[in-house]
Amino acid sequence: MRLLLDQNLSQRLKSVLIDLYPDTIHVKDVGLESADDINVWAFAREQGLTIVSKDSDFRQFSFVYGPPPKVVWIRRGNRSTSEIASLLRDRYEDIAEFHDDENGAFLALV
């Protein structure tokens, strides 16, 4: 399971989650920190990545375009990096199941 962290999430999440999500990258790692959402979407689709974001636009894209890519939508508002990391750790099994579901387009984490 390869995750692409959107610009609204801290790069520090990569190092905190490496044991569960070893192939995680951040948009900044690939020069997309200022890219518009459709370019991030296209990159994730081409690279086989699942987008992790707080941005509801990716949820909308999943309805319009369908997967791939898949979208994990974090609906927790303004939270610390450690709180987001805890959420992604606690919901690992749900995210893995979602990743394996051929029909799943987005997963909302609240």
N, C-alpha and C. Protein backbone atom coordinates (compact mmCIF):
# COMPACT_ATOMS: atom_id res chain seq x y z
N MET A 1 0.85 -1.17 0.00
CA MET A 1 0.00 0.00 0.00
C MET A 1 0.89 1.23 0.00
N ARG A 2 0.78 2.00 -1.07
CA ARG A 2 1.63 3.18 -1.24
C ARG A 2 0.76 4.43 -1.05
N LEU A 3 1.14 5.25 -0.07
CA LEU A 3 0.37 6.45 0.25
C LEU A 3 1.07 7.70 -0.27
N LEU A 4 0.26 8.66 -0.71
CA LEU A 4 0.74 9.98 -1.09
C LEU A 4 0.08 10.99 -0.16
N LEU A 5 0.88 11.60 0.71
CA LEU A 5 0.36 12.59 1.65
C LEU A 5 0.23 13.94 0.95
N ASP A 6 -0.95 14.53 1.08
CA ASP A 6 -1.22 15.81 0.46
C ASP A 6 -0.52 16.94 1.21
N GLN A 7 -0.48 18.11 0.59
CA GLN A 7 0.21 19.27 1.17
C GLN A 7 -0.38 19.73 2.49
N ASN A 8 -1.63 19.38 2.77
CA ASN A 8 -2.23 19.80 4.04
C ASN A 8 -1.87 18.87 5.20
N LEU A 9 -0.99 17.92 4.95
CA LEU A 9 -0.48 17.02 5.99
C LEU A 9 1.03 17.20 6.11
N SER A 10 1.53 17.05 7.31
CA SER A 10 2.96 17.24 7.56
C SER A 10 3.81 16.14 6.94
N GLN A 11 4.97 16.55 6.44
CA GLN A 11 5.95 15.59 5.93
C GLN A 11 6.45 14.66 7.04
N ARG A 12 6.39 15.14 8.28
CA ARG A 12 6.87 14.32 9.40
C ARG A 12 6.09 13.03 9.57
N LEU A 13 4.89 12.96 9.01
CA LEU A 13 4.10 11.74 9.11
C LEU A 13 4.83 10.54 8.50
N LYS A 14 5.61 10.78 7.46
CA LYS A 14 6.33 9.68 6.81
C LYS A 14 7.20 8.92 7.79
N SER A 15 8.00 9.64 8.56
CA SER A 15 8.93 8.97 9.47
C SER A 15 8.20 8.32 10.64
N VAL A 16 7.08 8.86 11.03
CA VAL A 16 6.32 8.31 12.16
C VAL A 16 5.56 7.05 11.75
N LEU A 17 5.22 6.95 10.47
CA LEU A 17 4.39 5.84 9.99
C LEU A 17 5.14 4.80 9.17
N ILE A 18 6.46 4.95 9.08
CA ILE A 18 7.25 4.11 8.17
C ILE A 18 7.11 2.61 8.46
N ASP A 19 6.88 2.24 9.71
CA ASP A 19 6.76 0.82 10.04
C ASP A 19 5.48 0.21 9.48
N LEU A 20 4.40 1.00 9.38
CA LEU A 20 3.13 0.49 8.84
C LEU A 20 2.95 0.80 7.37
N TYR A 21 3.42 1.95 6.96
CA TYR A 21 3.25 2.43 5.59
C TYR A 21 4.63 2.79 5.01
N PRO A 22 5.47 1.79 4.73
CA PRO A 22 6.86 2.07 4.36
C PRO A 22 7.04 2.80 3.03
N ASP A 23 6.08 2.73 2.15
CA ASP A 23 6.23 3.36 0.83
C ASP A 23 5.54 4.72 0.74
N THR A 24 5.30 5.34 1.88
CA THR A 24 4.63 6.63 1.91
C THR A 24 5.55 7.74 1.40
N ILE A 25 4.97 8.61 0.58
CA ILE A 25 5.68 9.80 0.12
C ILE A 25 4.79 11.03 0.35
N HIS A 26 5.38 12.17 0.34
CA HIS A 26 4.67 13.44 0.50
C HIS A 26 4.74 14.17 -0.84
N VAL A 27 3.73 14.98 -1.14
CA VAL A 27 3.73 15.71 -2.41
C VAL A 27 5.01 16.53 -2.59
N LYS A 28 5.57 17.01 -1.51
CA LYS A 28 6.79 17.80 -1.59
C LYS A 28 7.97 16.97 -2.10
N ASP A 29 7.96 15.67 -1.80
CA ASP A 29 9.04 14.78 -2.24
C ASP A 29 9.13 14.69 -3.76
N VAL A 30 8.00 14.92 -4.42
CA VAL A 30 7.96 14.76 -5.87
C VAL A 30 7.64 16.08 -6.59
N GLY A 31 7.86 17.19 -5.89
CA GLY A 31 7.70 18.50 -6.50
C GLY A 31 6.27 18.94 -6.75
N LEU A 32 5.33 18.36 -6.01
CA LEU A 32 3.92 18.70 -6.21
C LEU A 32 3.33 19.52 -5.06
N GLU A 33 4.18 20.12 -4.23
CA GLU A 33 3.65 20.85 -3.07
C GLU A 33 2.79 22.05 -3.46
N SER A 34 2.99 22.59 -4.64
CA SER A 34 2.19 23.74 -5.10
C SER A 34 1.26 23.36 -6.25
N ALA A 35 1.21 22.10 -6.59
CA ALA A 35 0.39 21.64 -7.71
C ALA A 35 -1.09 21.72 -7.38
N ASP A 36 -1.90 21.91 -8.41
CA ASP A 36 -3.33 21.88 -8.15
C ASP A 36 -3.77 20.42 -7.97
N ASP A 37 -4.96 20.26 -7.42
CA ASP A 37 -5.43 18.92 -7.04
C ASP A 37 -5.51 17.95 -8.22
N ILE A 38 -5.87 18.43 -9.38
CA ILE A 38 -6.00 17.52 -10.52
C ILE A 38 -4.64 16.95 -10.94
N ASN A 39 -3.58 17.72 -10.77
CA ASN A 39 -2.24 17.21 -11.07
C ASN A 39 -1.78 16.21 -10.03
N VAL A 40 -2.11 16.45 -8.76
CA VAL A 40 -1.81 15.48 -7.71
C VAL A 40 -2.58 14.19 -7.99
N TRP A 41 -3.85 14.33 -8.37
CA TRP A 41 -4.69 13.17 -8.70
C TRP A 41 -4.05 12.36 -9.83
N ALA A 42 -3.65 13.04 -10.88
CA ALA A 42 -3.07 12.36 -12.05
C ALA A 42 -1.77 11.64 -11.67
N PHE A 43 -0.95 12.29 -10.87
CA PHE A 43 0.31 11.67 -10.43
C PHE A 43 0.02 10.41 -9.62
N ALA A 44 -0.90 10.51 -8.68
CA ALA A 44 -1.24 9.35 -7.84
C ALA A 44 -1.77 8.20 -8.69
N ARG A 45 -2.61 8.51 -9.66
CA ARG A 45 -3.16 7.49 -10.55
C ARG A 45 -2.04 6.82 -11.33
N GLU A 46 -1.14 7.60 -11.91
CA GLU A 46 -0.05 7.06 -12.72
C GLU A 46 0.93 6.22 -11.91
N GLN A 47 1.12 6.59 -10.64
CA GLN A 47 2.11 5.92 -9.80
C GLN A 47 1.52 4.83 -8.90
N GLY A 48 0.21 4.63 -8.95
CA GLY A 48 -0.42 3.61 -8.12
C GLY A 48 -0.44 3.95 -6.65
N LEU A 49 -0.63 5.23 -6.34
CA LEU A 49 -0.64 5.72 -4.95
C LEU A 49 -2.05 5.96 -4.46
N THR A 50 -2.25 5.82 -3.17
CA THR A 50 -3.50 6.21 -2.51
C THR A 50 -3.28 7.58 -1.90
N ILE A 51 -4.14 8.53 -2.23
CA ILE A 51 -4.03 9.89 -1.70
C ILE A 51 -4.59 9.94 -0.29
N VAL A 52 -3.84 10.56 0.62
CA VAL A 52 -4.30 10.82 1.98
C VAL A 52 -4.36 12.33 2.13
N SER A 53 -5.55 12.85 2.46
CA SER A 53 -5.73 14.30 2.47
C SER A 53 -6.87 14.70 3.39
N LYS A 54 -6.85 15.97 3.78
CA LYS A 54 -7.98 16.59 4.47
C LYS A 54 -8.87 17.33 3.48
N ASP A 55 -8.46 17.39 2.24
CA ASP A 55 -9.11 18.16 1.20
C ASP A 55 -10.32 17.41 0.63
N SER A 56 -11.49 18.02 0.73
CA SER A 56 -12.71 17.36 0.24
C SER A 56 -12.76 17.30 -1.29
N ASP A 57 -11.91 18.08 -1.97
CA ASP A 57 -11.89 18.03 -3.44
C ASP A 57 -11.54 16.62 -3.93
N PHE A 58 -10.67 15.93 -3.24
CA PHE A 58 -10.30 14.57 -3.66
C PHE A 58 -11.48 13.62 -3.50
N ARG A 59 -12.29 13.85 -2.51
CA ARG A 59 -13.52 13.06 -2.34
C ARG A 59 -14.41 13.25 -3.57
N GLN A 60 -14.56 14.51 -3.99
CA GLN A 60 -15.36 14.81 -5.16
C GLN A 60 -14.77 14.16 -6.42
N PHE A 61 -13.46 14.22 -6.55
CA PHE A 61 -12.82 13.58 -7.70
C PHE A 61 -13.12 12.09 -7.74
N SER A 62 -13.16 11.46 -6.56
CA SER A 62 -13.42 10.02 -6.53
C SER A 62 -14.82 9.70 -7.04
N PHE A 63 -15.78 10.62 -6.82
CA PHE A 63 -17.13 10.43 -7.36
C PHE A 63 -17.16 10.65 -8.88
N VAL A 64 -16.46 11.66 -9.33
CA VAL A 64 -16.48 12.02 -10.74
C VAL A 64 -15.65 11.05 -11.59
N TYR A 65 -14.43 10.78 -11.15
CA TYR A 65 -13.50 10.00 -11.96
C TYR A 65 -13.40 8.54 -11.54
N GLY A 66 -13.76 8.23 -10.30
CA GLY A 66 -13.61 6.87 -9.79
C GLY A 66 -12.15 6.52 -9.61
N PRO A 67 -11.91 5.38 -8.97
CA PRO A 67 -10.52 4.97 -8.78
C PRO A 67 -9.96 4.35 -10.05
N PRO A 68 -8.68 4.28 -10.19
CA PRO A 68 -7.67 4.83 -9.28
C PRO A 68 -7.48 6.32 -9.49
N PRO A 69 -6.90 7.01 -8.57
CA PRO A 69 -6.41 6.50 -7.28
C PRO A 69 -7.53 6.42 -6.26
N LYS A 70 -7.23 5.76 -5.19
CA LYS A 70 -8.13 5.73 -4.05
C LYS A 70 -7.80 6.93 -3.17
N VAL A 71 -8.77 7.32 -2.33
CA VAL A 71 -8.59 8.48 -1.48
C VAL A 71 -8.96 8.13 -0.04
N VAL A 72 -8.04 8.44 0.88
CA VAL A 72 -8.33 8.38 2.31
C VAL A 72 -8.51 9.82 2.73
N TRP A 73 -9.74 10.15 3.11
CA TRP A 73 -10.12 11.52 3.44
C TRP A 73 -10.19 11.67 4.96
N ILE A 74 -9.31 12.48 5.51
CA ILE A 74 -9.27 12.71 6.96
C ILE A 74 -10.20 13.86 7.30
N ARG A 75 -11.22 13.57 8.08
CA ARG A 75 -12.23 14.56 8.41
C ARG A 75 -12.13 15.00 9.87
N ARG A 76 -10.96 15.32 10.31
CA ARG A 76 -10.75 15.68 11.70
C ARG A 76 -10.41 17.15 11.92
N GLY A 77 -10.45 17.95 10.87
CA GLY A 77 -10.16 19.37 11.04
C GLY A 77 -8.72 19.63 11.45
N ASN A 78 -8.53 20.67 12.21
CA ASN A 78 -7.19 21.09 12.62
C ASN A 78 -6.69 20.19 13.75
N ARG A 79 -5.82 19.28 13.42
CA ARG A 79 -5.25 18.34 14.40
C ARG A 79 -3.75 18.34 14.28
N SER A 80 -3.10 17.96 15.35
CA SER A 80 -1.64 17.88 15.35
C SER A 80 -1.18 16.70 14.50
N THR A 81 0.07 16.74 14.13
CA THR A 81 0.66 15.65 13.36
C THR A 81 0.58 14.34 14.15
N SER A 82 0.80 14.40 15.45
CA SER A 82 0.73 13.17 16.26
C SER A 82 -0.70 12.62 16.31
N GLU A 83 -1.69 13.50 16.31
CA GLU A 83 -3.08 13.02 16.30
C GLU A 83 -3.43 12.38 14.95
N ILE A 84 -2.95 12.97 13.86
CA ILE A 84 -3.18 12.38 12.54
C ILE A 84 -2.45 11.04 12.43
N ALA A 85 -1.23 10.98 12.94
CA ALA A 85 -0.47 9.73 12.93
C ALA A 85 -1.20 8.65 13.72
N SER A 86 -1.72 9.01 14.87
CA SER A 86 -2.47 8.05 15.69
C SER A 86 -3.69 7.54 14.95
N LEU A 87 -4.39 8.44 14.28
CA LEU A 87 -5.57 8.05 13.50
C LEU A 87 -5.18 7.04 12.41
N LEU A 88 -4.13 7.35 11.66
CA LEU A 88 -3.70 6.45 10.58
C LEU A 88 -3.18 5.13 11.13
N ARG A 89 -2.58 5.13 12.29
CA ARG A 89 -2.14 3.89 12.93
C ARG A 89 -3.34 3.07 13.42
N ASP A 90 -4.24 3.75 14.12
CA ASP A 90 -5.40 3.06 14.68
C ASP A 90 -6.30 2.47 13.60
N ARG A 91 -6.33 3.08 12.45
CA ARG A 91 -7.23 2.63 11.38
C ARG A 91 -6.49 1.85 10.29
N TYR A 92 -5.31 1.36 10.61
CA TYR A 92 -4.51 0.63 9.64
C TYR A 92 -5.29 -0.51 8.98
N GLU A 93 -5.97 -1.31 9.77
CA GLU A 93 -6.69 -2.46 9.22
C GLU A 93 -7.80 -2.01 8.28
N ASP A 94 -8.50 -0.93 8.65
CA ASP A 94 -9.55 -0.40 7.78
C ASP A 94 -8.96 0.11 6.46
N ILE A 95 -7.83 0.78 6.56
CA ILE A 95 -7.17 1.32 5.36
C ILE A 95 -6.67 0.17 4.47
N ALA A 96 -6.11 -0.86 5.08
CA ALA A 96 -5.64 -2.02 4.31
C ALA A 96 -6.81 -2.73 3.62
N GLU A 97 -7.91 -2.89 4.33
CA GLU A 97 -9.10 -3.51 3.73
C GLU A 97 -9.63 -2.66 2.57
N PHE A 98 -9.68 -1.35 2.78
CA PHE A 98 -10.09 -0.42 1.74
C PHE A 98 -9.16 -0.53 0.52
N HIS A 99 -7.89 -0.59 0.77
CA HIS A 99 -6.90 -0.70 -0.31
C HIS A 99 -7.16 -1.94 -1.17
N ASP A 100 -7.53 -3.04 -0.53
CA ASP A 100 -7.74 -4.30 -1.23
C ASP A 100 -9.12 -4.41 -1.90
N ASP A 101 -10.03 -3.50 -1.57
CA ASP A 101 -11.38 -3.51 -2.13
C ASP A 101 -11.35 -2.90 -3.53
N GLU A 102 -11.59 -3.72 -4.54
CA GLU A 102 -11.52 -3.25 -5.92
C GLU A 102 -12.54 -2.17 -6.24
N ASN A 103 -13.64 -2.14 -5.50
CA ASN A 103 -14.71 -1.18 -5.79
C ASN A 103 -14.63 0.08 -4.94
N GLY A 104 -13.76 0.11 -3.94
CA GLY A 104 -13.67 1.26 -3.05
C GLY A 104 -13.01 2.45 -3.74
N ALA A 105 -13.61 3.62 -3.59
CA ALA A 105 -13.04 4.83 -4.17
C ALA A 105 -12.49 5.75 -3.10
N PHE A 106 -13.22 5.89 -2.00
CA PHE A 106 -12.70 6.74 -0.92
C PHE A 106 -13.12 6.18 0.43
N LEU A 107 -12.30 6.50 1.41
CA LEU A 107 -12.54 6.10 2.78
C LEU A 107 -12.46 7.35 3.65
N ALA A 108 -13.53 7.66 4.35
CA ALA A 108 -13.55 8.82 5.24
C ALA A 108 -13.17 8.38 6.64
N LEU A 109 -12.18 9.05 7.22
CA LEU A 109 -11.76 8.78 8.59
C LEU A 109 -12.20 9.95 9.46
N VAL A 110 -13.01 9.66 10.45
CA VAL A 110 -13.50 10.70 11.35
C VAL A 110 -13.01 10.47 12.76
